[in-house]
Amino acid sequence: MATVKIYTKTSCPACDLAKQILEEKGVLFEEFILDDKPEELKALINKTNMKTVPQIFINNHLIGGCSDMLDLDRKNQLDILLQAEDN
């Protein structure tokens, strides 16, 4: 199974939806809540060039945010990524 990391903030509907989808698929994920961590958020933004959360990584590859994950799911590609072994 893939390694999934999700960077979130509380009170973020898109973050909640992304986590719900992963949970419904039975995917274990590591969540990093960035509410009180401005330096970590800044480092993440510098790394990904994304200024919003959630930011979702599958096997250390950024797939994007919630809408990107939903798009992958609609294209039947999300499950394939989630089943891939972490290298």
C-alpha atoms as a PDB file:
ATOM      1  CA  MET A   1       0.000   0.000   0.000  1.00  0.00           C
ATOM      2  CA  ALA A   2       1.120   3.548  -0.693  1.00  0.00           C
ATOM      3  CA  THR A   3       2.378   6.017   1.868  1.00  0.00           C
ATOM      4  CA  VAL A   4      -0.010   8.960   2.093  1.00  0.00           C
ATOM      5  CA  LYS A   5       0.720  12.283   3.786  1.00  0.00           C
ATOM      6  CA  ILE A   6      -1.756  15.127   3.962  1.00  0.00           C
ATOM      7  CA  TYR A   7      -0.991  18.647   5.127  1.00  0.00           C
ATOM      8  CA  THR A   8      -4.061  20.378   6.541  1.00  0.00           C
ATOM      9  CA  LYS A   9      -5.511  23.143   8.664  1.00  0.00           C
ATOM     10  CA  THR A  10      -8.463  22.810  11.024  1.00  0.00           C
ATOM     11  CA  SER A  11     -11.718  24.424   9.921  1.00  0.00           C
ATOM     12  CA  CYS A  12     -10.871  23.602   6.297  1.00  0.00           C
ATOM     13  CA  PRO A  13     -13.791  21.957   4.447  1.00  0.00           C
ATOM     14  CA  ALA A  14     -11.552  20.769   1.596  1.00  0.00           C
ATOM     15  CA  CYS A  15      -9.177  19.167   4.106  1.00  0.00           C
ATOM     16  CA  ASP A  16     -12.089  17.426   5.820  1.00  0.00           C
ATOM     17  CA  LEU A  17     -13.414  16.138   2.492  1.00  0.00           C
ATOM     18  CA  ALA A  18     -10.005  14.841   1.404  1.00  0.00           C
ATOM     19  CA  LYS A  19      -9.559  12.977   4.698  1.00  0.00           C
ATOM     20  CA  GLN A  20     -13.100  11.589   4.462  1.00  0.00           C
ATOM     21  CA  ILE A  21     -12.451  10.217   0.982  1.00  0.00           C
ATOM     22  CA  LEU A  22      -9.218   8.561   2.092  1.00  0.00           C
ATOM     23  CA  GLU A  23     -10.931   7.097   5.158  1.00  0.00           C
ATOM     24  CA  GLU A  24     -13.811   5.749   3.043  1.00  0.00           C
ATOM     25  CA  LYS A  25     -11.244   4.019   0.846  1.00  0.00           C
ATOM     26  CA  GLY A  26      -9.648   2.493   3.937  1.00  0.00           C
ATOM     27  CA  VAL A  27      -6.393   4.364   3.391  1.00  0.00           C
ATOM     28  CA  LEU A  28      -4.138   5.023   6.334  1.00  0.00           C
ATOM     29  CA  PHE A  29      -2.546   8.450   6.131  1.00  0.00           C
ATOM     30  CA  GLU A  30      -0.297  10.677   8.154  1.00  0.00           C
ATOM     31  CA  GLU A  31      -1.786  14.108   8.803  1.00  0.00           C
ATOM     32  CA  PHE A  32       0.246  17.231   9.462  1.00  0.00           C
ATOM     33  CA  ILE A  33      -1.870  20.049  10.914  1.00  0.00           C
ATOM     34  CA  LEU A  34      -0.275  23.399  10.108  1.00  0.00           C
ATOM     35  CA  ASP A  35      -2.481  25.787  12.115  1.00  0.00           C
ATOM     36  CA  ASP A  36       0.191  26.924  14.563  1.00  0.00           C
ATOM     37  CA  LYS A  37       3.223  26.113  12.425  1.00  0.00           C
ATOM     38  CA  PRO A  38       3.870  29.079  10.115  1.00  0.00           C
ATOM     39  CA  GLU A  39       7.463  28.047   9.398  1.00  0.00           C
ATOM     40  CA  GLU A  40       6.406  24.546   8.321  1.00  0.00           C
ATOM     41  CA  LEU A  41       3.669  26.038   6.138  1.00  0.00           C
ATOM     42  CA  LYS A  42       6.144  28.444   4.561  1.00  0.00           C
ATOM     43  CA  ALA A  43       8.586  25.602   3.858  1.00  0.00           C
ATOM     44  CA  LEU A  44       5.794  23.526   2.309  1.00  0.00           C
ATOM     45  CA  ILE A  45       4.702  26.427   0.092  1.00  0.00           C
ATOM     46  CA  ASN A  46       8.300  26.931  -1.028  1.00  0.00           C
ATOM     47  CA  LYS A  47       8.605  23.221  -1.812  1.00  0.00           C
ATOM     48  CA  THR A  48       5.330  22.819  -3.705  1.00  0.00           C
ATOM     49  CA  ASN A  49       4.468  26.309  -4.958  1.00  0.00           C
ATOM     50  CA  MET A  50       0.939  25.652  -3.656  1.00  0.00           C
ATOM     51  CA  LYS A  51      -0.480  28.203  -1.235  1.00  0.00           C
ATOM     52  CA  THR A  52      -3.572  26.258  -0.187  1.00  0.00           C
ATOM     53  CA  VAL A  53      -4.328  23.163   1.844  1.00  0.00           C
ATOM     54  CA  PRO A  54      -4.820  20.321   1.773  1.00  0.00           C
ATOM     55  CA  GLN A  55      -1.643  19.262   0.082  1.00  0.00           C
ATOM     56  CA  ILE A  56      -1.667  15.530  -0.536  1.00  0.00           C
ATOM     57  CA  PHE A  57       1.361  13.367  -1.184  1.00  0.00           C
ATOM     58  CA  ILE A  58       1.201   9.745  -2.316  1.00  0.00           C
ATOM     59  CA  ASN A  59       4.531   7.933  -2.123  1.00  0.00           C
ATOM     60  CA  ASN A  60       6.256  11.304  -1.633  1.00  0.00           C
ATOM     61  CA  HIS A  61       4.765  12.627  -4.887  1.00  0.00           C
ATOM     62  CA  LEU A  62       2.517  15.687  -4.649  1.00  0.00           C
ATOM     63  CA  ILE A  63      -0.823  14.934  -6.275  1.00  0.00           C
ATOM     64  CA  GLY A  64      -2.204  18.370  -5.360  1.00  0.00           C
ATOM     65  CA  GLY A  65      -5.197  19.326  -3.277  1.00  0.00           C
ATOM     66  CA  CYS A  66      -8.667  17.940  -2.716  1.00  0.00           C
ATOM     67  CA  SER A  67      -9.994  18.855  -6.179  1.00  0.00           C
ATOM     68  CA  ASP A  68      -6.950  17.201  -7.779  1.00  0.00           C
ATOM     69  CA  MET A  69      -7.561  14.055  -5.746  1.00  0.00           C
ATOM     70  CA  LEU A  70     -11.247  14.055  -6.741  1.00  0.00           C
ATOM     71  CA  ASP A  71     -10.240  14.434 -10.393  1.00  0.00           C
ATOM     72  CA  LEU A  72      -7.892  11.450 -10.109  1.00  0.00           C
ATOM     73  CA  ASP A  73     -10.693   9.454  -8.488  1.00  0.00           C
ATOM     74  CA  ARG A  74     -13.120  10.312 -11.302  1.00  0.00           C
ATOM     75  CA  LYS A  75     -10.513   9.110 -13.811  1.00  0.00           C
ATOM     76  CA  ASN A  76     -10.082   5.845 -11.847  1.00  0.00           C
ATOM     77  CA  GLN A  77      -6.425   6.711 -11.240  1.00  0.00           C
ATOM     78  CA  LEU A  78      -6.525   7.385  -7.492  1.00  0.00           C
ATOM     79  CA  ASP A  79      -6.984   3.763  -6.468  1.00  0.00           C
ATOM     80  CA  ILE A  80      -4.068   2.751  -8.691  1.00  0.00           C
ATOM     81  CA  LEU A  81      -1.811   5.304  -6.987  1.00  0.00           C
ATOM     82  CA  LEU A  82      -3.015   4.249  -3.558  1.00  0.00           C
ATOM     83  CA  GLN A  83      -2.243   0.599  -4.241  1.00  0.00           C
ATOM     84  CA  ALA A  84       1.269   1.253  -5.512  1.00  0.00           C
ATOM     85  CA  GLU A  85       4.110   0.313  -3.192  1.00  0.00           C
ATOM     86  CA  ASP A  86       6.226   3.112  -1.762  1.00  0.00           C
ATOM     87  CA  ASN A  87       9.711   2.991  -3.252  1.00  0.00           C
END
